[in-house]
């Protein structure tokens, strides 16, 4: 009698995730952030998930596609939130402070430090042009807000880079440094947002944490 046809199923999942695709992304995030792109194989990813290598290709056509999906996960939610925050009715100092704090908050809310993937040499490849366009769009939002404060000044480029320093200030051990909450911001996010206004010579908004949490709620509701 012929064997059953189809993808083999595990008795229990090995990785975090609601479905096999999320489990593959979780395993890939760990391997890519810990050992890089070139030295990570699809066989290693499949083994970490507990599936056959052929089954992995049912969900992703290539290792590059997995990598691109992870890269885009670092900018797409940020672009949506930053666009919504920048459009809200508030002074530019508060909107910039809120965007920096919110972005740092997102970077600190993931299990693996996927923001670090941007630093890998493979990212320069043309096959990741879609990600680069998204990232440039995100940078543009930060810069435009800073220019509302300091005008056409080179310092307007600094808040984005200050925000990205959250990547170097968090662990990559499979734990979430700062889970997302509705009533607080991580201390690192507050510090980086303060530094972003300080480098522009702008005053800190009054009640900035409470007002930012409210703006984030308004942005989420849009």
C-alpha atoms as a PDB file:
ATOM      1  CA  UNK A   1       0.000   0.000   0.000  1.00  0.00           C
ATOM      2  CA  UNK A   2       1.376   3.359  -0.985  1.00  0.00           C
ATOM      3  CA  UNK A   3       2.407   5.733   1.765  1.00  0.00           C
ATOM      4  CA  UNK A   4       0.417   8.830   2.593  1.00  0.00           C
ATOM      5  CA  UNK A   5       1.051  11.808   0.348  1.00  0.00           C
ATOM      6  CA  UNK A   6       1.671  15.260   1.793  1.00  0.00           C
ATOM      7  CA  UNK A   7       3.923  17.208   4.084  1.00  0.00           C
ATOM      8  CA  UNK A   8       5.001  15.391   7.247  1.00  0.00           C
ATOM      9  CA  UNK A   9       3.522  16.732  10.459  1.00  0.00           C
ATOM     10  CA  UNK A  10       5.305  17.018  13.790  1.00  0.00           C
ATOM     11  CA  UNK A  11       3.777  15.776  17.021  1.00  0.00           C
ATOM     12  CA  UNK A  12       4.455  19.147  18.647  1.00  0.00           C
ATOM     13  CA  UNK A  13       5.926  22.454  17.413  1.00  0.00           C
ATOM     14  CA  UNK A  14       9.517  23.263  18.295  1.00  0.00           C
ATOM     15  CA  UNK A  15       9.337  26.985  17.597  1.00  0.00           C
ATOM     16  CA  UNK A  16       7.195  29.960  18.549  1.00  0.00           C
ATOM     17  CA  UNK A  17       4.486  30.706  16.017  1.00  0.00           C
ATOM     18  CA  UNK A  18       0.806  30.191  15.264  1.00  0.00           C
ATOM     19  CA  UNK A  19       1.537  28.200  12.105  1.00  0.00           C
ATOM     20  CA  UNK A  20       4.476  26.609  10.214  1.00  0.00           C
ATOM     21  CA  UNK A  21       5.244  29.830   8.341  1.00  0.00           C
ATOM     22  CA  UNK A  22       5.680  31.776  11.596  1.00  0.00           C
ATOM     23  CA  UNK A  23       7.768  28.942  13.031  1.00  0.00           C
ATOM     24  CA  UNK A  24      10.064  29.117   9.987  1.00  0.00           C
ATOM     25  CA  UNK A  25      10.454  32.873  10.430  1.00  0.00           C
ATOM     26  CA  UNK A  26      11.232  32.427  14.127  1.00  0.00           C
ATOM     27  CA  UNK A  27      13.940  29.844  13.425  1.00  0.00           C
ATOM     28  CA  UNK A  28      15.345  31.918  10.562  1.00  0.00           C
ATOM     29  CA  UNK A  29      15.457  35.064  12.693  1.00  0.00           C
ATOM     30  CA  UNK A  30      17.519  33.245  15.296  1.00  0.00           C
ATOM     31  CA  UNK A  31      19.929  31.735  12.785  1.00  0.00           C
ATOM     32  CA  UNK A  32      20.336  34.854  10.634  1.00  0.00           C
ATOM     33  CA  UNK A  33      20.918  37.146  13.614  1.00  0.00           C
ATOM     34  CA  UNK A  34      23.326  34.743  15.299  1.00  0.00           C
ATOM     35  CA  UNK A  35      25.377  33.349  12.429  1.00  0.00           C
ATOM     36  CA  UNK A  36      24.584  35.491   9.389  1.00  0.00           C
ATOM     37  CA  UNK A  37      22.948  34.863   6.032  1.00  0.00           C
ATOM     38  CA  UNK A  38      25.684  33.095   4.083  1.00  0.00           C
ATOM     39  CA  UNK A  39      26.385  30.485   6.755  1.00  0.00           C
ATOM     40  CA  UNK A  40      22.719  29.675   7.346  1.00  0.00           C
ATOM     41  CA  UNK A  41      21.242  26.982   5.116  1.00  0.00           C
ATOM     42  CA  UNK A  42      17.634  26.060   4.463  1.00  0.00           C
ATOM     43  CA  UNK A  43      18.508  22.629   5.847  1.00  0.00           C
ATOM     44  CA  UNK A  44      19.477  24.232   9.164  1.00  0.00           C
ATOM     45  CA  UNK A  45      16.269  26.267   9.209  1.00  0.00           C
ATOM     46  CA  UNK A  46      14.110  23.228   8.476  1.00  0.00           C
ATOM     47  CA  UNK A  47      15.919  21.200  11.136  1.00  0.00           C
ATOM     48  CA  UNK A  48      15.414  23.977  13.706  1.00  0.00           C
ATOM     49  CA  UNK A  49      11.677  23.954  12.958  1.00  0.00           C
ATOM     50  CA  UNK A  50      11.416  20.162  12.838  1.00  0.00           C
ATOM     51  CA  UNK A  51      10.264  19.782   9.242  1.00  0.00           C
ATOM     52  CA  UNK A  52      11.801  18.385   6.075  1.00  0.00           C
ATOM     53  CA  UNK A  53      13.732  20.794   3.873  1.00  0.00           C
ATOM     54  CA  UNK A  54      11.266  20.188   1.028  1.00  0.00           C
ATOM     55  CA  UNK A  55       8.396  21.227   3.298  1.00  0.00           C
ATOM     56  CA  UNK A  56      10.072  24.578   3.948  1.00  0.00           C
ATOM     57  CA  UNK A  57       9.809  25.426   0.232  1.00  0.00           C
ATOM     58  CA  UNK A  58       6.048  25.008   0.435  1.00  0.00           C
ATOM     59  CA  UNK A  59       5.998  28.210   2.515  1.00  0.00           C
ATOM     60  CA  UNK A  60       8.975  30.125   1.063  1.00  0.00           C
ATOM     61  CA  UNK A  61      10.507  29.656  -2.421  1.00  0.00           C
ATOM     62  CA  UNK A  62      14.036  30.484  -1.255  1.00  0.00           C
ATOM     63  CA  UNK A  63      16.260  31.480   1.634  1.00  0.00           C
ATOM     64  CA  UNK A  64      16.382  35.005   0.185  1.00  0.00           C
ATOM     65  CA  UNK A  65      12.597  35.250   0.364  1.00  0.00           C
ATOM     66  CA  UNK A  66      12.670  34.323   4.050  1.00  0.00           C
ATOM     67  CA  UNK A  67      15.348  36.944   4.635  1.00  0.00           C
ATOM     68  CA  UNK A  68      13.389  39.613   2.738  1.00  0.00           C
ATOM     69  CA  UNK A  69      10.260  38.828   4.765  1.00  0.00           C
ATOM     70  CA  UNK A  70      12.205  39.356   7.985  1.00  0.00           C
ATOM     71  CA  UNK A  71      13.778  42.565   6.681  1.00  0.00           C
ATOM     72  CA  UNK A  72      10.400  43.985   5.715  1.00  0.00           C
ATOM     73  CA  UNK A  73       9.012  43.098   9.137  1.00  0.00           C
ATOM     74  CA  UNK A  74      11.458  45.635  10.593  1.00  0.00           C
ATOM     75  CA  UNK A  75      10.111  48.562   8.557  1.00  0.00           C
ATOM     76  CA  UNK A  76       6.524  47.962   7.408  1.00  0.00           C
ATOM     77  CA  UNK A  77       4.836  48.296  10.848  1.00  0.00           C
ATOM     78  CA  UNK A  78       7.106  51.264  11.595  1.00  0.00           C
ATOM     79  CA  UNK A  79       6.154  53.069   8.377  1.00  0.00           C
ATOM     80  CA  UNK A  80       2.436  52.689   9.099  1.00  0.00           C
ATOM     81  CA  UNK A  81       2.822  53.921  12.667  1.00  0.00           C
ATOM     82  CA  UNK A  82       5.188  56.765  11.756  1.00  0.00           C
ATOM     83  CA  UNK A  83       2.900  57.995   8.975  1.00  0.00           C
ATOM     84  CA  UNK A  84      -0.079  57.995  11.327  1.00  0.00           C
ATOM     85  CA  UNK A  85       1.823  59.707  14.149  1.00  0.00           C
ATOM     86  CA  UNK A  86       3.268  62.393  11.874  1.00  0.00           C
ATOM     87  CA  UNK A  87      -0.232  63.298  10.677  1.00  0.00           C
ATOM     88  CA  UNK A  88      -1.741  63.786  14.141  1.00  0.00           C
ATOM     89  CA  UNK A  89      -2.481  67.201  15.608  1.00  0.00           C
ATOM     90  CA  UNK A  90       0.519  67.951  17.826  1.00  0.00           C
ATOM     91  CA  UNK A  91       3.586  70.138  17.800  1.00  0.00           C
ATOM     92  CA  UNK A  92       6.526  68.771  15.741  1.00  0.00           C
ATOM     93  CA  UNK A  93       8.643  68.311  18.871  1.00  0.00           C
ATOM     94  CA  UNK A  94       6.047  65.964  20.366  1.00  0.00           C
ATOM     95  CA  UNK A  95       5.422  64.144  17.087  1.00  0.00           C
ATOM     96  CA  UNK A  96       9.144  63.543  16.581  1.00  0.00           C
ATOM     97  CA  UNK A  97       9.595  62.476  20.186  1.00  0.00           C
ATOM     98  CA  UNK A  98       6.657  60.090  19.805  1.00  0.00           C
ATOM     99  CA  UNK A  99       7.969  58.587  16.571  1.00  0.00           C
ATOM    100  CA  UNK A 100      11.419  57.960  18.015  1.00  0.00           C
ATOM    101  CA  UNK A 101       9.986  56.432  21.191  1.00  0.00           C
ATOM    102  CA  UNK A 102       7.470  54.314  19.271  1.00  0.00           C
ATOM    103  CA  UNK A 103      10.067  52.990  16.830  1.00  0.00           C
ATOM    104  CA  UNK A 104      12.538  52.160  19.615  1.00  0.00           C
ATOM    105  CA  UNK A 105       9.668  50.467  21.438  1.00  0.00           C
ATOM    106  CA  UNK A 106       9.029  48.252  18.400  1.00  0.00           C
ATOM    107  CA  UNK A 107      12.721  47.370  18.037  1.00  0.00           C
ATOM    108  CA  UNK A 108      12.750  46.271  21.679  1.00  0.00           C
ATOM    109  CA  UNK A 109       9.557  44.213  21.422  1.00  0.00           C
ATOM    110  CA  UNK A 110      10.762  41.324  19.240  1.00  0.00           C
ATOM    111  CA  UNK A 111      12.075  37.956  20.369  1.00  0.00           C
ATOM    112  CA  UNK A 112      15.132  38.149  18.105  1.00  0.00           C
ATOM    113  CA  UNK A 113      17.084  41.305  17.249  1.00  0.00           C
ATOM    114  CA  UNK A 114      15.946  41.361  13.611  1.00  0.00           C
ATOM    115  CA  UNK A 115      16.806  45.041  13.270  1.00  0.00           C
ATOM    116  CA  UNK A 116      20.432  43.931  13.156  1.00  0.00           C
ATOM    117  CA  UNK A 117      19.835  42.112   9.853  1.00  0.00           C
ATOM    118  CA  UNK A 118      20.269  45.440   8.043  1.00  0.00           C
ATOM    119  CA  UNK A 119      23.955  45.332   8.984  1.00  0.00           C
ATOM    120  CA  UNK A 120      24.652  42.101   7.069  1.00  0.00           C
ATOM    121  CA  UNK A 121      26.563  42.535   3.745  1.00  0.00           C
ATOM    122  CA  UNK A 122      23.952  40.584   1.769  1.00  0.00           C
ATOM    123  CA  UNK A 123      21.449  43.413   2.283  1.00  0.00           C
ATOM    124  CA  UNK A 124      23.291  45.479  -0.352  1.00  0.00           C
ATOM    125  CA  UNK A 125      22.119  43.024  -3.023  1.00  0.00           C
ATOM    126  CA  UNK A 126      19.642  44.309  -5.617  1.00  0.00           C
ATOM    127  CA  UNK A 127      17.217  41.517  -4.724  1.00  0.00           C
ATOM    128  CA  UNK A 128      16.394  43.452  -1.542  1.00  0.00           C
ATOM    129  CA  UNK A 129      15.626  46.719  -3.341  1.00  0.00           C
ATOM    130  CA  UNK A 130      12.029  46.626  -2.097  1.00  0.00           C
ATOM    131  CA  UNK A 131      13.257  46.710   1.484  1.00  0.00           C
ATOM    132  CA  UNK A 132      15.649  49.587   0.753  1.00  0.00           C
ATOM    133  CA  UNK A 133      12.795  51.646  -0.708  1.00  0.00           C
ATOM    134  CA  UNK A 134      10.713  51.045   2.428  1.00  0.00           C
ATOM    135  CA  UNK A 135      13.609  51.964   4.699  1.00  0.00           C
ATOM    136  CA  UNK A 136      14.282  55.174   2.787  1.00  0.00           C
ATOM    137  CA  UNK A 137      10.615  56.056   3.164  1.00  0.00           C
ATOM    138  CA  UNK A 138      10.849  55.568   6.922  1.00  0.00           C
ATOM    139  CA  UNK A 139      14.005  57.678   7.118  1.00  0.00           C
ATOM    140  CA  UNK A 140      12.218  60.383   5.153  1.00  0.00           C
ATOM    141  CA  UNK A 141       9.430  60.592   7.738  1.00  0.00           C
ATOM    142  CA  UNK A 142      11.931  61.071  10.573  1.00  0.00           C
ATOM    143  CA  UNK A 143      13.943  63.630   8.624  1.00  0.00           C
ATOM    144  CA  UNK A 144      10.916  65.648   7.552  1.00  0.00           C
ATOM    145  CA  UNK A 145       9.698  65.951  11.121  1.00  0.00           C
ATOM    146  CA  UNK A 146      13.140  67.000  12.329  1.00  0.00           C
ATOM    147  CA  UNK A 147      13.274  69.615   9.554  1.00  0.00           C
ATOM    148  CA  UNK A 148      10.070  71.134  10.915  1.00  0.00           C
ATOM    149  CA  UNK A 149      12.128  71.907  14.012  1.00  0.00           C
ATOM    150  CA  UNK A 150      15.588  72.852  12.652  1.00  0.00           C
ATOM    151  CA  UNK A 151      14.938  73.522   8.973  1.00  0.00           C
ATOM    152  CA  UNK A 152      17.418  72.459   6.302  1.00  0.00           C
ATOM    153  CA  UNK A 153      20.084  71.386   8.778  1.00  0.00           C
ATOM    154  CA  UNK A 154      22.296  68.243   8.691  1.00  0.00           C
ATOM    155  CA  UNK A 155      21.186  67.489  12.240  1.00  0.00           C
ATOM    156  CA  UNK A 156      17.777  66.544  10.865  1.00  0.00           C
ATOM    157  CA  UNK A 157      19.241  63.189   9.836  1.00  0.00           C
ATOM    158  CA  UNK A 158      20.337  62.301  13.360  1.00  0.00           C
ATOM    159  CA  UNK A 159      17.064  61.291  15.105  1.00  0.00           C
ATOM    160  CA  UNK A 160      16.628  58.243  12.890  1.00  0.00           C
ATOM    161  CA  UNK A 161      20.156  57.015  13.568  1.00  0.00           C
ATOM    162  CA  UNK A 162      19.766  57.654  17.292  1.00  0.00           C
ATOM    163  CA  UNK A 163      16.605  55.562  17.213  1.00  0.00           C
ATOM    164  CA  UNK A 164      18.399  52.695  15.467  1.00  0.00           C
ATOM    165  CA  UNK A 165      20.917  52.535  18.307  1.00  0.00           C
ATOM    166  CA  UNK A 166      18.244  50.568  20.183  1.00  0.00           C
ATOM    167  CA  UNK A 167      19.449  47.625  18.083  1.00  0.00           C
ATOM    168  CA  UNK A 168      22.831  47.773  19.840  1.00  0.00           C
ATOM    169  CA  UNK A 169      21.268  48.177  23.287  1.00  0.00           C
ATOM    170  CA  UNK A 170      19.255  44.986  23.448  1.00  0.00           C
ATOM    171  CA  UNK A 171      20.086  41.270  23.781  1.00  0.00           C
ATOM    172  CA  UNK A 172      19.546  38.583  21.173  1.00  0.00           C
ATOM    173  CA  UNK A 173      18.842  35.610  23.404  1.00  0.00           C
ATOM    174  CA  UNK A 174      15.310  34.679  22.385  1.00  0.00           C
ATOM    175  CA  UNK A 175      13.579  36.761  25.032  1.00  0.00           C
ATOM    176  CA  UNK A 176      11.571  39.922  24.425  1.00  0.00           C
ATOM    177  CA  UNK A 177      13.414  42.793  26.179  1.00  0.00           C
ATOM    178  CA  UNK A 178      10.361  45.034  26.489  1.00  0.00           C
ATOM    179  CA  UNK A 179       6.946  43.539  25.663  1.00  0.00           C
ATOM    180  CA  UNK A 180       4.489  46.027  24.199  1.00  0.00           C
ATOM    181  CA  UNK A 181       2.128  47.583  26.730  1.00  0.00           C
ATOM    182  CA  UNK A 182      -0.524  50.293  26.483  1.00  0.00           C
ATOM    183  CA  UNK A 183       0.462  52.162  29.635  1.00  0.00           C
ATOM    184  CA  UNK A 184       4.253  52.546  29.550  1.00  0.00           C
ATOM    185  CA  UNK A 185       7.300  53.065  27.355  1.00  0.00           C
ATOM    186  CA  UNK A 186      10.665  51.307  27.761  1.00  0.00           C
ATOM    187  CA  UNK A 187      13.319  53.362  29.549  1.00  0.00           C
ATOM    188  CA  UNK A 188      15.623  52.981  26.533  1.00  0.00           C
ATOM    189  CA  UNK A 189      12.926  54.353  24.218  1.00  0.00           C
ATOM    190  CA  UNK A 190      12.449  57.384  26.468  1.00  0.00           C
ATOM    191  CA  UNK A 191      16.191  57.986  26.637  1.00  0.00           C
ATOM    192  CA  UNK A 192      16.617  57.816  22.855  1.00  0.00           C
ATOM    193  CA  UNK A 193      13.631  60.090  22.230  1.00  0.00           C
ATOM    194  CA  UNK A 194      15.066  62.623  24.694  1.00  0.00           C
ATOM    195  CA  UNK A 195      18.455  62.418  22.945  1.00  0.00           C
ATOM    196  CA  UNK A 196      16.854  62.977  19.544  1.00  0.00           C
ATOM    197  CA  UNK A 197      15.401  66.311  20.630  1.00  0.00           C
ATOM    198  CA  UNK A 198      18.549  67.272  22.537  1.00  0.00           C
ATOM    199  CA  UNK A 199      20.700  66.890  19.424  1.00  0.00           C
ATOM    200  CA  UNK A 200      18.343  69.298  17.647  1.00  0.00           C
ATOM    201  CA  UNK A 201      18.439  71.772  20.530  1.00  0.00           C
ATOM    202  CA  UNK A 202      14.678  71.378  20.976  1.00  0.00           C
ATOM    203  CA  UNK A 203      12.887  71.445  24.346  1.00  0.00           C
ATOM    204  CA  UNK A 204      11.325  68.290  25.717  1.00  0.00           C
ATOM    205  CA  UNK A 205       7.518  68.315  25.490  1.00  0.00           C
ATOM    206  CA  UNK A 206       5.652  68.489  28.767  1.00  0.00           C
ATOM    207  CA  UNK A 207       4.120  65.147  29.858  1.00  0.00           C
ATOM    208  CA  UNK A 208       5.747  63.592  26.799  1.00  0.00           C
ATOM    209  CA  UNK A 209       5.320  59.953  27.867  1.00  0.00           C
ATOM    210  CA  UNK A 210       1.612  60.233  28.626  1.00  0.00           C
ATOM    211  CA  UNK A 211       0.956  62.282  25.488  1.00  0.00           C
ATOM    212  CA  UNK A 212       2.917  59.829  23.337  1.00  0.00           C
ATOM    213  CA  UNK A 213       0.974  56.848  24.665  1.00  0.00           C
ATOM    214  CA  UNK A 214      -2.211  58.690  23.772  1.00  0.00           C
ATOM    215  CA  UNK A 215      -0.888  59.493  20.288  1.00  0.00           C
ATOM    216  CA  UNK A 216       0.025  55.836  19.761  1.00  0.00           C
ATOM    217  CA  UNK A 217      -3.530  54.854  20.698  1.00  0.00           C
ATOM    218  CA  UNK A 218      -4.902  57.413  18.257  1.00  0.00           C
ATOM    219  CA  UNK A 219      -2.551  56.142  15.522  1.00  0.00           C
ATOM    220  CA  UNK A 220      -3.567  52.517  16.149  1.00  0.00           C
ATOM    221  CA  UNK A 221      -7.215  53.521  15.802  1.00  0.00           C
ATOM    222  CA  UNK A 222      -6.746  55.199  12.398  1.00  0.00           C
END
